[in-house]
Amino acid sequence: MTKETYGDEAPGSNGHATYVDPASGMESKAGVMNEAGEIYGNIETAEEYGYVQRGLKSRHIQFIALGGTIGTGLFLGIGSALTRAGPLSVLLGYSFTGVAVFAMMQCLGEMATWLPLPGAIPQFCARYVDDALGFAVGWNNWYASAITLCAEISAASIVIQYWPGADGISVAVWISIIIVVVVFLNIFAVQIYGEAEFVFASVKIITIVGLLIMAFIVDLGGGPNHDRLGFRYWKNPGAMKEYDSTGDTGRFLGLFSVFVNAAFSYGGVELVAVAAGEAENPRKNIPKAVRRVFWRILFFYILGSLAIGVLVSSSDPHLLTAQKSGAAGAAQSPWVVGIQNAGISVLPSIINAVILTSASSSANAFLYTGSRYLFALAQNKQAPRFLLRCSNAGVPYYCVAVTASISLLTYLSVKQGGPALVFEWFQNLTTIASLFTWCSICIAYIQFYKALNAQGVDRNTLVFKSKFQPYTAWLALLYFAMIIIFNGFNVFVGEHHQNWNITDFFAAYIGIAIFFVLFVFWKIVGKSRWIHPADADISTGKAALDAEDDQWPEQVPRNMLEKLWFWIA
């Protein structure tokens, strides 16, 4: 199939362009059909199943990049890291992991700008590395997104119980309401999802900025009790706490435990590339969004972990009691504990509402992500073909329905042990899945880098060129692989292995087994082979996407206010 003309439907109006096959006279949509007719199946398949559409505007993509998947990790989960490892370990753990995540996002941003495809990551792995890796990472990503969806819904059900009277209502009621809401936001049109995430992310960004300012003021003695905190909690009980051992070894293990916690908090940061296949003007908006991930990491995670470390003691009795008792919602948040200790009475319920919004937003984002991974697998012919069916609005509704069905596992929260225990199980499982996703991105980039060199493509001509490659990719890969291998260290340490627990061991390492079983399965069934860089498919579909670049209308700011808005969005 060759590009002959753009029809009346130009990008910027309804999100796609029309192509005509000169042999058959049949039309397809730019961004959903490549010249070979293989990104979205052949012409007949595309006509039968429908198309996804480029309905995510620049502001959607930018705010998804800044706050789309910020969920409970930053508001709730970071508290357990603080009490276990101490403030300096939390700061270092989130900083080291943030550097590795940013390095990984540079790799992904270069690939997604070169070829912005729906689902993106499984397709890059299948094209540049091995079809079996595409299969494994695709199903691993889908499973991770689906389970994270459960984790965030479970967390939201915890948060709701913070308010008086809510704890008397069955958890199943809150779970049902949240599931209905996130399915509604995903099933009708991608624009609805984009608008919801724009609003959710705006709330989270404003809240985190406000919390950072509040922490700075309280730390300097500007709170109602006028108690200047400084870095007193770094001196007593100490900057780095011992964990599972004593002395330097114990402090190192405490730091390492934060790496695992931080990986969960950063999970889903790659969403912006998954959305590339449905983004308007992806060659402009995706690089812009990837660059902003740096500011998200710096301001939200690194400054956030520093603020918590000066605001709350790692031995704070209120925080420890809330964690031990499994208290609901904001009671487990170090932000809220710090606010209460400062004598500010009005904020905890507001913060709890934001935490609820964040959990719901993250659930919404992971339902979208999971459905697009499933769609990408169907495109690669590694999932049933009926999953390619899209609504007139461009939503792969079967993919949404299948992914949403996994959220029913959240009803396990109703059983003995409650939602707090189930949330902890889900957190352990999804962290390893996210780490495998990031490792696969780095591997795909290393092969992509080799393929560009082998096929004579000058990286200086790329729209988005990441720096210090391929060393950046290799360092990030080694860092993530280290966490995967040693993430369950806790069950092996201690005299006579007193920490041994089969459930903890299973939660820490079952994800590794799942990933390699998927890889070996498709290696055998699909008879795939490792792709030589000179043979990697880096060009199929690129010409059609290149042709779109000139069709997006150029927006010129008319005044300073519009100039500021265009810079933000």
Protein backbone atom coordinates (compact mmCIF):
# COMPACT_ATOMS: atom_id res chain seq x y z
CA MET A 1 0.00 0.00 0.00
CA THR A 2 1.43 3.40 -0.90
CA LYS A 3 0.43 6.85 0.14
CA GLU A 4 -1.41 8.57 -2.70
CA THR A 5 -3.29 11.46 -1.18
CA TYR A 6 -4.62 13.02 1.92
CA GLY A 7 -8.36 13.26 1.63
CA ASP A 8 -10.68 15.75 3.26
CA GLU A 9 -9.83 14.34 6.69
CA ALA A 10 -6.61 16.05 7.71
CA PRO A 11 -4.83 15.75 11.03
CA GLY A 12 -5.89 18.44 13.42
CA SER A 13 -9.55 18.09 12.51
CA ASN A 14 -10.50 14.57 13.55
CA GLY A 15 -7.12 13.13 14.42
CA HIS A 16 -6.26 11.12 11.31
CA ALA A 17 -5.76 11.32 7.55
CA THR A 18 -7.10 9.30 4.65
CA TYR A 19 -4.93 7.12 2.39
CA VAL A 20 -5.99 5.38 -0.80
CA ASP A 21 -4.60 2.09 -2.02
CA PRO A 22 -4.16 2.61 -5.77
CA ALA A 23 -4.60 -1.11 -6.45
CA SER A 24 -7.87 -1.62 -4.59
CA GLY A 25 -9.13 1.93 -4.15
CA MET A 26 -9.75 1.19 -0.47
CA GLU A 27 -9.09 3.81 2.19
CA SER A 28 -7.25 3.54 5.49
CA LYS A 29 -6.29 5.98 8.22
CA ALA A 30 -2.83 7.46 8.72
CA GLY A 31 -1.29 6.37 11.97
CA VAL A 32 -3.29 3.18 11.97
CA MET A 33 -2.08 1.65 8.70
CA ASN A 34 1.43 1.54 7.33
CA GLU A 35 2.52 1.23 3.72
CA ALA A 36 2.78 -2.53 4.04
CA GLY A 37 -0.60 -2.71 5.77
CA GLU A 38 0.89 -4.52 8.75
CA ILE A 39 0.93 -2.24 11.79
CA TYR A 40 -2.80 -2.61 12.20
CA GLY A 41 -3.25 -5.68 10.03
CA ASN A 42 -4.12 -5.78 6.34
CA ILE A 43 -6.66 -3.49 4.69
CA GLU A 44 -9.55 -5.92 5.13
CA THR A 45 -8.72 -6.36 8.81
CA ALA A 46 -8.60 -2.62 9.37
CA GLU A 47 -11.90 -2.10 7.58
CA GLU A 48 -13.49 -4.90 9.61
CA TYR A 49 -12.25 -3.95 13.06
CA GLY A 50 -12.04 -0.15 12.90
CA TYR A 51 -9.32 2.27 13.93
CA VAL A 52 -7.82 3.98 16.95
CA GLN A 53 -7.69 7.75 16.58
CA ARG A 54 -5.24 10.48 17.46
CA GLY A 55 -7.51 12.19 19.95
CA LEU A 56 -5.06 13.09 22.72
CA LYS A 57 -4.19 16.78 22.49
CA SER A 58 -0.89 18.33 23.53
CA ARG A 59 -2.19 19.38 26.97
CA HIS A 60 -3.43 15.81 27.58
CA ILE A 61 -0.01 14.36 26.79
CA GLN A 62 1.91 16.94 28.81
CA PHE A 63 -0.21 16.51 31.94
CA ILE A 64 -0.20 12.72 31.59
CA ALA A 65 3.60 12.94 31.53
CA LEU A 66 3.70 15.21 34.57
CA GLY A 67 1.16 13.51 36.79
CA GLY A 68 -0.76 10.77 34.99
CA THR A 69 0.37 7.79 37.06
CA ILE A 70 1.29 9.50 40.32
CA GLY A 71 -0.82 7.42 42.66
CA THR A 72 -0.61 6.14 46.18
CA GLY A 73 3.15 5.50 46.16
CA LEU A 74 4.08 9.14 46.70
CA PHE A 75 1.31 9.85 49.19
CA LEU A 76 1.04 6.59 51.18
CA GLY A 77 3.74 4.06 50.25
CA ILE A 78 6.63 6.42 50.90
CA GLY A 79 5.67 6.42 54.60
CA SER A 80 6.65 2.77 55.04
CA ALA A 81 10.00 3.48 53.36
CA LEU A 82 10.61 6.36 55.79
CA THR A 83 9.89 4.34 58.95
CA ARG A 84 11.95 1.41 57.69
CA ALA A 85 15.05 3.17 56.32
CA GLY A 86 15.19 6.78 57.52
CA PRO A 87 15.05 10.16 55.70
CA LEU A 88 18.45 10.12 53.98
CA SER A 89 17.89 6.60 52.65
CA VAL A 90 14.51 7.67 51.26
CA LEU A 91 16.04 10.69 49.55
CA LEU A 92 18.92 8.67 48.09
CA GLY A 93 16.69 5.75 47.10
CA TYR A 94 14.20 7.93 45.21
CA SER A 95 17.03 9.95 43.66
CA PHE A 96 19.02 6.95 42.37
CA THR A 97 15.88 5.28 41.02
CA GLY A 98 14.76 8.59 39.52
CA VAL A 99 18.03 8.94 37.59
CA ALA A 100 17.65 5.40 36.21
CA VAL A 101 13.99 5.99 35.29
CA PHE A 102 14.88 9.22 33.50
CA ALA A 103 17.63 7.41 31.58
CA MET A 104 15.11 4.74 30.55
CA MET A 105 12.61 7.40 29.47
CA GLN A 106 15.25 9.01 27.27
CA CYS A 107 15.62 5.68 25.47
CA LEU A 108 11.87 5.26 25.13
CA GLY A 109 11.36 8.84 24.02
CA GLU A 110 13.82 8.44 21.13
CA MET A 111 12.11 5.26 19.91
CA ALA A 112 8.58 6.61 20.37
CA THR A 113 9.41 9.80 18.47
CA TRP A 114 10.95 7.83 15.62
CA LEU A 115 7.88 5.60 15.35
CA PRO A 116 4.90 6.54 17.58
CA LEU A 117 2.76 3.39 17.68
CA PRO A 118 -0.17 2.41 19.93
CA GLY A 119 1.12 0.27 22.78
CA ALA A 120 4.64 1.09 21.57
CA ILE A 121 6.81 -1.03 23.89
CA PRO A 122 5.80 -4.58 22.78
CA GLN A 123 6.09 -3.47 19.16
CA PHE A 124 9.57 -2.02 19.67
CA CYS A 125 10.74 -5.22 21.37
CA ALA A 126 9.28 -7.41 18.60
CA ARG A 127 10.74 -5.27 15.81
CA TYR A 128 14.23 -4.62 17.18
CA VAL A 129 15.04 -7.56 19.48
CA ASP A 130 12.99 -10.74 19.25
CA ASP A 131 9.34 -11.52 18.67
CA ALA A 132 9.44 -13.55 21.89
CA LEU A 133 10.54 -10.49 23.87
CA GLY A 134 7.66 -8.53 22.36
CA PHE A 135 5.29 -11.30 23.43
CA ALA A 136 6.75 -11.52 26.94
CA VAL A 137 6.90 -7.78 27.60
CA GLY A 138 3.47 -7.23 26.05
CA TRP A 139 1.71 -9.76 28.25
CA ASN A 140 3.88 -8.77 31.22
CA ASN A 141 2.91 -5.12 30.71
CA TRP A 142 -0.73 -5.99 30.36
CA TYR A 143 -0.65 -8.12 33.49
CA ALA A 144 1.24 -5.37 35.37
CA SER A 145 -1.24 -2.70 34.31
CA ALA A 146 -4.21 -4.88 35.20
CA ILE A 147 -2.82 -5.75 38.64
CA THR A 148 -1.81 -2.13 39.29
CA LEU A 149 -5.38 -1.22 38.43
CA CYS A 150 -6.41 -3.55 41.25
CA ALA A 151 -3.77 -2.08 43.58
CA GLU A 152 -4.98 1.47 43.05
CA ILE A 153 -8.65 0.54 43.43
CA SER A 154 -7.75 -1.33 46.60
CA ALA A 155 -5.84 1.73 47.85
CA ALA A 156 -8.79 3.98 47.05
CA SER A 157 -11.07 1.72 49.08
CA ILE A 158 -8.66 2.15 52.02
CA VAL A 159 -8.64 5.91 51.61
CA ILE A 160 -12.44 6.28 51.58
CA GLN A 161 -12.69 4.58 54.97
CA TYR A 162 -10.78 7.49 56.54
CA TRP A 163 -13.94 9.60 56.74
CA PRO A 164 -16.36 9.01 59.63
CA GLY A 165 -19.23 6.72 58.68
CA ALA A 166 -17.56 5.37 55.54
CA ASP A 167 -15.89 2.52 57.43
CA GLY A 168 -19.31 1.11 58.25
CA ILE A 169 -20.04 0.49 54.57
CA SER A 170 -18.78 -2.65 52.87
CA VAL A 171 -15.52 -2.25 50.96
CA ALA A 172 -17.24 -3.96 48.00
CA VAL A 173 -19.49 -0.90 47.54
CA TRP A 174 -16.55 1.48 47.14
CA ILE A 175 -14.75 -0.96 44.85
CA SER A 176 -17.82 -1.24 42.61
CA ILE A 177 -18.23 2.54 42.35
CA ILE A 178 -14.58 3.10 41.43
CA ILE A 179 -14.62 0.32 38.80
CA VAL A 180 -17.72 1.80 37.16
CA VAL A 181 -16.16 5.28 37.07
CA VAL A 182 -12.84 4.22 35.50
CA VAL A 183 -14.57 2.00 32.92
CA PHE A 184 -16.85 4.90 31.99
CA LEU A 185 -13.83 7.17 31.47
CA ASN A 186 -12.17 4.64 29.15
CA ILE A 187 -14.94 3.06 27.11
CA PHE A 188 -16.43 5.92 25.07
CA ALA A 189 -13.62 7.99 23.51
CA VAL A 190 -9.95 8.56 24.17
CA GLN A 191 -10.71 12.29 24.47
CA ILE A 192 -12.79 11.58 27.60
CA TYR A 193 -9.87 9.68 29.13
CA GLY A 194 -7.54 12.54 28.17
CA GLU A 195 -9.77 15.20 29.72
CA ALA A 196 -10.15 13.18 32.93
CA GLU A 197 -6.39 12.75 33.25
CA PHE A 198 -5.87 16.43 32.52
CA VAL A 199 -8.12 17.32 35.47
CA PHE A 200 -6.76 14.59 37.77
CA ALA A 201 -3.14 15.45 36.99
CA SER A 202 -3.81 19.15 37.54
CA VAL A 203 -5.19 18.40 41.03
CA LYS A 204 -2.18 16.24 41.88
CA ILE A 205 0.34 18.78 40.59
CA ILE A 206 -1.26 21.67 42.48
CA THR A 207 -1.47 19.56 45.65
CA ILE A 208 2.15 18.40 45.54
CA VAL A 209 3.42 21.93 44.88
CA GLY A 210 1.29 23.15 47.78
CA LEU A 211 2.62 20.40 50.06
CA LEU A 212 6.22 21.26 49.18
CA ILE A 213 5.62 24.92 49.99
CA MET A 214 3.85 23.93 53.22
CA ALA A 215 6.73 21.65 54.23
CA PHE A 216 9.24 24.45 53.61
CA ILE A 217 7.22 26.90 55.71
CA VAL A 218 6.67 24.43 58.56
CA ASP A 219 10.32 23.39 58.53
CA LEU A 220 11.33 27.03 59.05
CA GLY A 221 8.88 27.45 61.92
CA GLY A 222 6.01 29.07 60.04
CA GLY A 223 3.37 26.63 61.29
CA PRO A 224 0.77 27.38 63.99
CA ASN A 225 3.07 26.01 66.71
CA HIS A 226 6.06 28.01 65.37
CA ASP A 227 8.36 25.03 65.93
CA ARG A 228 11.42 25.32 63.68
CA LEU A 229 12.23 21.75 62.61
CA GLY A 230 15.35 22.15 60.51
CA PHE A 231 16.98 18.73 60.09
CA ARG A 232 16.37 17.58 63.66
CA TYR A 233 14.91 14.24 62.54
CA TRP A 234 18.09 13.52 60.58
CA LYS A 235 20.00 13.73 63.87
CA ASN A 236 17.47 11.96 66.07
CA PRO A 237 16.48 9.18 65.41
CA GLY A 238 19.01 9.41 62.56
CA ALA A 239 19.43 9.91 58.82
CA MET A 240 19.75 6.18 57.97
CA LYS A 241 18.08 3.46 59.99
CA GLU A 242 19.31 -0.11 60.33
CA TYR A 243 17.17 -2.76 58.66
CA ASP A 244 17.52 -6.54 58.96
CA SER A 245 21.06 -6.14 60.33
CA THR A 246 23.24 -3.78 62.33
CA GLY A 247 25.88 -1.17 61.54
CA ASP A 248 26.76 -0.23 57.98
CA THR A 249 25.25 -3.45 56.63
CA GLY A 250 21.90 -2.66 58.23
CA ARG A 251 21.94 0.90 56.89
CA PHE A 252 22.78 -0.34 53.38
CA LEU A 253 19.94 -2.86 53.48
CA GLY A 254 17.59 -0.07 54.56
CA LEU A 255 18.70 1.99 51.55
CA PHE A 256 18.29 -0.97 49.20
CA SER A 257 14.76 -1.59 50.48
CA VAL A 258 13.88 1.95 49.36
CA PHE A 259 14.93 1.09 45.78
CA VAL A 260 12.09 -1.44 45.62
CA ASN A 261 9.62 0.98 47.17
CA ALA A 262 10.65 3.74 44.76
CA ALA A 263 10.23 1.41 41.77
CA PHE A 264 6.56 0.99 42.71
CA SER A 265 6.11 4.76 43.07
CA TYR A 266 7.64 5.41 39.63
CA GLY A 267 5.61 2.63 38.01
CA GLY A 268 3.70 3.69 34.90
CA VAL A 269 6.00 6.59 34.06
CA GLU A 270 6.30 5.08 30.57
CA LEU A 271 2.58 5.75 29.91
CA VAL A 272 3.35 8.79 27.79
CA ALA A 273 4.98 6.57 25.13
CA VAL A 274 2.08 4.10 25.26
CA ALA A 275 -0.23 7.00 24.40
CA ALA A 276 1.99 8.08 21.47
CA GLY A 277 -0.13 6.15 18.97
CA GLU A 278 -3.18 8.23 19.86
CA ALA A 279 -1.46 11.59 20.32
CA GLU A 280 -1.85 14.54 18.02
CA ASN A 281 1.41 15.68 16.41
CA PRO A 282 3.47 13.01 18.24
CA ARG A 283 6.81 14.14 16.79
CA LYS A 284 6.40 17.44 18.66
CA ASN A 285 4.41 16.44 21.74
CA ILE A 286 6.19 13.21 22.77
CA PRO A 287 9.72 14.72 23.04
CA LYS A 288 8.25 17.64 24.95
CA ALA A 289 6.51 15.26 27.36
CA VAL A 290 9.58 13.04 27.84
CA ARG A 291 11.72 16.05 28.74
CA ARG A 292 9.18 17.03 31.38
CA VAL A 293 9.54 13.68 33.07
CA PHE A 294 12.80 15.10 34.43
CA TRP A 295 10.94 17.88 36.25
CA ARG A 296 8.34 15.43 37.48
CA ILE A 297 11.09 13.29 39.02
CA LEU A 298 12.97 16.26 40.48
CA PHE A 299 10.09 18.26 41.95
CA PHE A 300 7.59 15.58 42.89
CA TYR A 301 9.67 12.58 43.92
CA ILE A 302 13.08 13.90 44.97
CA LEU A 303 11.95 17.14 46.60
CA GLY A 304 8.92 15.27 47.95
CA SER A 305 11.08 12.66 49.66
CA LEU A 306 13.29 15.44 51.09
CA ALA A 307 10.25 17.32 52.39
CA ILE A 308 8.86 14.25 54.12
CA GLY A 309 12.23 13.54 55.71
CA VAL A 310 12.35 16.96 57.39
CA LEU A 311 8.64 17.08 58.21
CA VAL A 312 8.18 13.71 59.95
CA SER A 313 10.36 11.57 62.19
CA SER A 314 11.01 8.04 60.97
CA SER A 315 10.03 6.92 64.47
CA ASP A 316 6.89 9.05 64.70
CA PRO A 317 4.44 7.12 66.94
CA HIS A 318 1.36 8.26 65.00
CA LEU A 319 2.81 7.03 61.70
CA LEU A 320 4.04 3.73 63.17
CA THR A 321 0.70 3.07 64.87
CA ALA A 322 -1.26 3.80 61.67
CA GLN A 323 0.96 1.42 59.68
CA LYS A 324 0.80 -1.34 62.27
CA SER A 325 -2.98 -1.15 62.66
CA GLY A 326 -3.67 -0.81 58.93
CA ALA A 327 -5.49 2.47 59.56
CA ALA A 328 -7.37 3.88 56.61
CA GLY A 329 -6.28 6.47 54.10
CA ALA A 330 -4.61 9.67 55.21
CA ALA A 331 -3.74 8.26 58.64
CA GLN A 332 -0.88 6.34 56.96
CA SER A 333 0.32 9.34 54.96
CA PRO A 334 3.49 10.99 56.31
CA TRP A 335 2.24 14.24 54.78
CA VAL A 336 -0.86 14.19 56.96
CA VAL A 337 1.09 13.17 60.08
CA GLY A 338 3.47 16.07 59.51
CA ILE A 339 0.57 18.47 59.04
CA GLN A 340 -1.09 17.30 62.24
CA ASN A 341 2.15 17.53 64.21
CA ALA A 342 2.52 21.13 63.02
CA GLY A 343 -0.90 21.97 64.49
CA ILE A 344 -2.73 22.45 61.18
CA SER A 345 -6.19 20.95 61.59
CA VAL A 346 -7.98 21.69 58.32
CA LEU A 347 -5.74 19.93 55.79
CA PRO A 348 -5.93 16.15 56.54
CA SER A 349 -9.38 15.65 54.99
CA ILE A 350 -8.34 17.71 51.97
CA ILE A 351 -5.18 15.62 51.53
CA ASN A 352 -7.24 12.46 51.90
CA ALA A 353 -9.52 13.64 49.10
CA VAL A 354 -6.45 14.26 46.91
CA ILE A 355 -5.09 10.80 47.73
CA LEU A 356 -8.46 9.34 46.71
CA THR A 357 -8.33 11.36 43.48
CA SER A 358 -4.77 10.17 42.84
CA ALA A 359 -5.65 6.51 43.36
CA SER A 360 -8.68 6.82 41.07
CA SER A 361 -6.63 8.71 38.47
CA SER A 362 -3.90 6.09 38.54
CA ALA A 363 -6.50 3.32 38.17
CA ASN A 364 -7.93 5.19 35.20
CA ALA A 365 -4.47 5.52 33.64
CA PHE A 366 -3.58 1.85 34.10
CA LEU A 367 -6.87 0.66 32.58
CA TYR A 368 -6.01 2.75 29.52
CA THR A 369 -2.43 1.48 29.46
CA GLY A 370 -3.40 -2.16 29.87
CA SER A 371 -6.00 -2.00 27.10
CA ARG A 372 -3.46 -0.48 24.68
CA TYR A 373 -0.85 -3.11 25.50
CA LEU A 374 -3.46 -5.75 24.71
CA PHE A 375 -4.26 -3.95 21.47
CA ALA A 376 -0.56 -3.92 20.54
CA LEU A 377 -0.35 -7.67 21.19
CA ALA A 378 -3.29 -8.25 18.87
CA GLN A 379 -1.54 -6.11 16.23
CA ASN A 380 1.52 -8.35 16.60
CA LYS A 381 -0.76 -11.40 16.17
CA GLN A 382 0.12 -12.51 19.70
CA ALA A 383 -3.40 -12.11 21.07
CA PRO A 384 -6.86 -12.97 19.65
CA ARG A 385 -7.80 -10.88 16.63
CA PHE A 386 -11.19 -9.83 18.00
CA LEU A 387 -9.28 -7.54 20.37
CA LEU A 388 -8.54 -5.29 17.37
CA ARG A 389 -12.19 -4.29 17.14
CA CYS A 390 -12.66 -0.57 17.79
CA SER A 391 -15.71 1.61 18.26
CA ASN A 392 -16.53 4.47 15.90
CA ALA A 393 -14.78 6.73 18.40
CA GLY A 394 -11.57 4.69 18.04
CA VAL A 395 -11.69 2.82 21.37
CA PRO A 396 -10.62 -0.88 21.37
CA TYR A 397 -13.56 -1.76 23.59
CA TYR A 398 -12.85 -5.48 23.87
CA CYS A 399 -9.36 -4.65 25.14
CA VAL A 400 -10.87 -2.26 27.68
CA ALA A 401 -13.44 -4.87 28.77
CA VAL A 402 -10.90 -7.70 29.17
CA THR A 403 -8.50 -5.50 31.15
CA ALA A 404 -11.29 -4.11 33.31
CA SER A 405 -12.45 -7.64 34.13
CA ILE A 406 -9.18 -8.21 36.03
CA SER A 407 -10.22 -5.42 38.40
CA LEU A 408 -12.74 -7.87 39.86
CA LEU A 409 -9.79 -9.38 41.74
CA THR A 410 -9.97 -6.30 43.95
CA TYR A 411 -12.98 -7.86 45.66
CA LEU A 412 -10.42 -10.02 47.47
CA SER A 413 -10.17 -6.96 49.70
CA VAL A 414 -13.50 -7.96 51.22
CA LYS A 415 -12.01 -11.18 52.57
CA GLN A 416 -10.10 -11.64 55.80
CA GLY A 417 -7.06 -9.40 56.06
CA GLY A 418 -8.81 -6.45 54.46
CA PRO A 419 -7.79 -4.09 51.68
CA ALA A 420 -4.50 -3.05 53.27
CA LEU A 421 -3.09 -6.59 53.01
CA VAL A 422 -4.34 -7.05 49.44
CA PHE A 423 -2.82 -3.70 48.45
CA GLU A 424 0.54 -4.90 49.80
CA TRP A 425 0.31 -8.11 47.74
CA PHE A 426 -0.52 -6.19 44.59
CA GLN A 427 2.31 -3.71 45.23
CA ASN A 428 4.89 -6.51 45.45
CA LEU A 429 3.68 -8.17 42.26
CA THR A 430 3.47 -5.03 40.15
CA THR A 431 6.86 -3.65 41.15
CA ILE A 432 8.73 -6.55 39.52
CA ALA A 433 6.52 -6.37 36.44
CA SER A 434 7.36 -2.66 36.05
CA LEU A 435 11.07 -3.37 36.43
CA PHE A 436 10.91 -6.00 33.66
CA THR A 437 9.14 -3.47 31.45
CA TRP A 438 11.92 -0.95 32.00
CA CYS A 439 14.61 -3.58 31.36
CA SER A 440 12.88 -4.52 28.09
CA ILE A 441 12.78 -0.86 27.02
CA CYS A 442 16.54 -0.57 27.60
CA ILE A 443 17.24 -3.79 25.69
CA ALA A 444 15.02 -2.65 22.81
CA TYR A 445 16.83 0.68 22.69
CA ILE A 446 20.28 -0.91 22.66
CA GLN A 447 19.22 -2.95 19.63
CA PHE A 448 17.52 0.08 18.06
CA TYR A 449 20.75 2.04 18.49
CA LYS A 450 22.69 -0.75 16.78
CA ALA A 451 20.08 -0.96 14.02
CA LEU A 452 20.39 2.75 13.24
CA ASN A 453 24.15 2.38 12.88
CA ALA A 454 23.89 -0.84 10.85
CA GLN A 455 21.35 0.68 8.46
CA GLY A 456 23.16 3.96 7.99
CA VAL A 457 20.81 6.29 9.88
CA ASP A 458 22.61 9.28 11.39
CA ARG A 459 21.26 9.88 14.91
CA ASN A 460 21.97 13.58 14.49
CA THR A 461 19.04 13.68 12.07
CA LEU A 462 16.56 12.38 14.66
CA VAL A 463 13.81 14.66 15.91
CA PHE A 464 14.62 13.56 19.47
CA LYS A 465 18.13 12.30 20.26
CA SER A 466 18.83 11.07 23.78
CA LYS A 467 22.23 11.80 25.29
CA PHE A 468 25.20 9.62 26.27
CA GLN A 469 23.95 6.56 24.44
CA PRO A 470 24.23 3.62 24.55
CA TYR A 471 25.87 3.97 27.99
CA THR A 472 22.71 5.52 29.45
CA ALA A 473 20.68 2.48 28.39
CA TRP A 474 23.22 0.00 29.73
CA LEU A 475 23.48 1.67 33.15
CA ALA A 476 19.70 1.83 33.54
CA LEU A 477 19.40 -1.81 32.48
CA LEU A 478 21.97 -2.97 35.04
CA TYR A 479 20.33 -0.92 37.81
CA PHE A 480 16.85 -2.35 37.17
CA ALA A 481 18.22 -5.90 36.81
CA MET A 482 19.99 -5.55 40.17
CA ILE A 483 16.72 -4.62 41.90
CA ILE A 484 14.88 -7.53 40.25
CA ILE A 485 17.46 -10.07 41.42
CA PHE A 486 17.80 -8.81 44.98
CA ASN A 487 14.34 -7.39 45.65
CA GLY A 488 13.47 -10.31 47.94
CA PHE A 489 16.64 -10.09 50.02
CA ASN A 490 14.60 -9.69 53.20
CA VAL A 491 13.50 -13.34 53.24
CA PHE A 492 17.12 -14.56 53.18
CA VAL A 493 18.76 -12.35 55.80
CA GLY A 494 18.89 -12.68 59.55
CA GLU A 495 20.31 -15.38 61.78
CA HIS A 496 18.92 -18.81 60.88
CA HIS A 497 16.80 -17.11 58.20
CA GLN A 498 14.22 -15.98 60.76
CA ASN A 499 12.63 -13.74 58.11
CA TRP A 500 11.83 -16.65 55.80
CA ASN A 501 8.22 -16.54 54.63
CA ILE A 502 6.99 -18.49 51.64
CA THR A 503 4.36 -15.84 50.81
CA ASP A 504 6.97 -13.06 50.75
CA PHE A 505 9.32 -15.18 48.66
CA PHE A 506 6.52 -15.97 46.22
CA ALA A 507 5.50 -12.31 45.91
CA ALA A 508 9.13 -11.23 45.36
CA TYR A 509 10.09 -13.75 42.67
CA ILE A 510 6.98 -15.13 40.95
CA GLY A 511 7.15 -12.21 38.52
CA ILE A 512 10.55 -13.38 37.27
CA ALA A 513 9.19 -16.85 36.56
CA ILE A 514 6.15 -15.44 34.76
CA PHE A 515 8.26 -13.27 32.46
CA PHE A 516 10.66 -16.02 31.41
CA VAL A 517 7.86 -18.57 30.96
CA LEU A 518 6.20 -16.13 28.56
CA PHE A 519 9.48 -15.58 26.69
CA VAL A 520 10.29 -19.29 26.35
CA PHE A 521 6.70 -20.15 25.42
CA TRP A 522 6.68 -17.82 22.41
CA LYS A 523 10.23 -18.76 21.53
CA ILE A 524 9.00 -22.33 21.07
CA VAL A 525 5.49 -21.75 19.76
CA GLY A 526 6.28 -18.72 17.60
CA LYS A 527 9.68 -20.07 16.53
CA SER A 528 11.07 -16.57 16.89
CA ARG A 529 14.69 -15.61 16.48
CA TRP A 530 16.98 -12.90 17.79
CA ILE A 531 16.99 -10.10 15.24
CA HIS A 532 20.28 -8.92 13.80
CA PRO A 533 20.53 -5.09 13.83
CA ALA A 534 20.94 -4.96 10.07
CA ASP A 535 17.62 -6.83 9.69
CA ALA A 536 15.64 -4.93 12.34
CA ASP A 537 12.48 -3.30 11.02
CA ILE A 538 12.98 0.37 11.84
CA SER A 539 11.14 1.78 8.82
CA THR A 540 7.79 0.03 8.29
CA GLY A 541 5.05 2.60 8.82
CA LYS A 542 7.45 5.51 9.22
CA ALA A 543 6.71 7.14 5.86
CA ALA A 544 3.00 7.40 6.62
CA LEU A 545 3.77 8.97 9.98
CA ASP A 546 6.33 11.30 8.41
CA ALA A 547 3.67 12.46 5.98
CA GLU A 548 1.48 13.46 8.91
CA ASP A 549 4.05 15.83 10.35
CA ASP A 550 3.35 18.63 7.87
CA GLN A 551 -0.41 18.29 8.26
CA TRP A 552 -0.68 19.34 11.89
CA PRO A 553 -1.68 23.03 12.12
CA GLU A 554 0.96 25.28 13.62
CA GLN A 555 -0.35 27.12 16.66
CA VAL A 556 1.10 30.61 17.06
CA PRO A 557 0.48 32.35 20.38
CA ARG A 558 -1.31 35.68 20.00
CA ASN A 559 -0.38 37.13 23.39
CA MET A 560 1.72 36.48 26.49
CA LEU A 561 -1.06 34.47 28.15
CA GLU A 562 -1.30 32.09 25.20
CA LYS A 563 2.48 31.89 25.03
CA LEU A 564 2.58 30.80 28.68
CA TRP A 565 -0.19 28.25 28.08
CA PHE A 566 1.55 26.78 25.03
CA TRP A 567 4.71 26.44 27.13
CA ILE A 568 2.77 24.60 29.84
CA ALA A 569 0.71 22.42 27.50
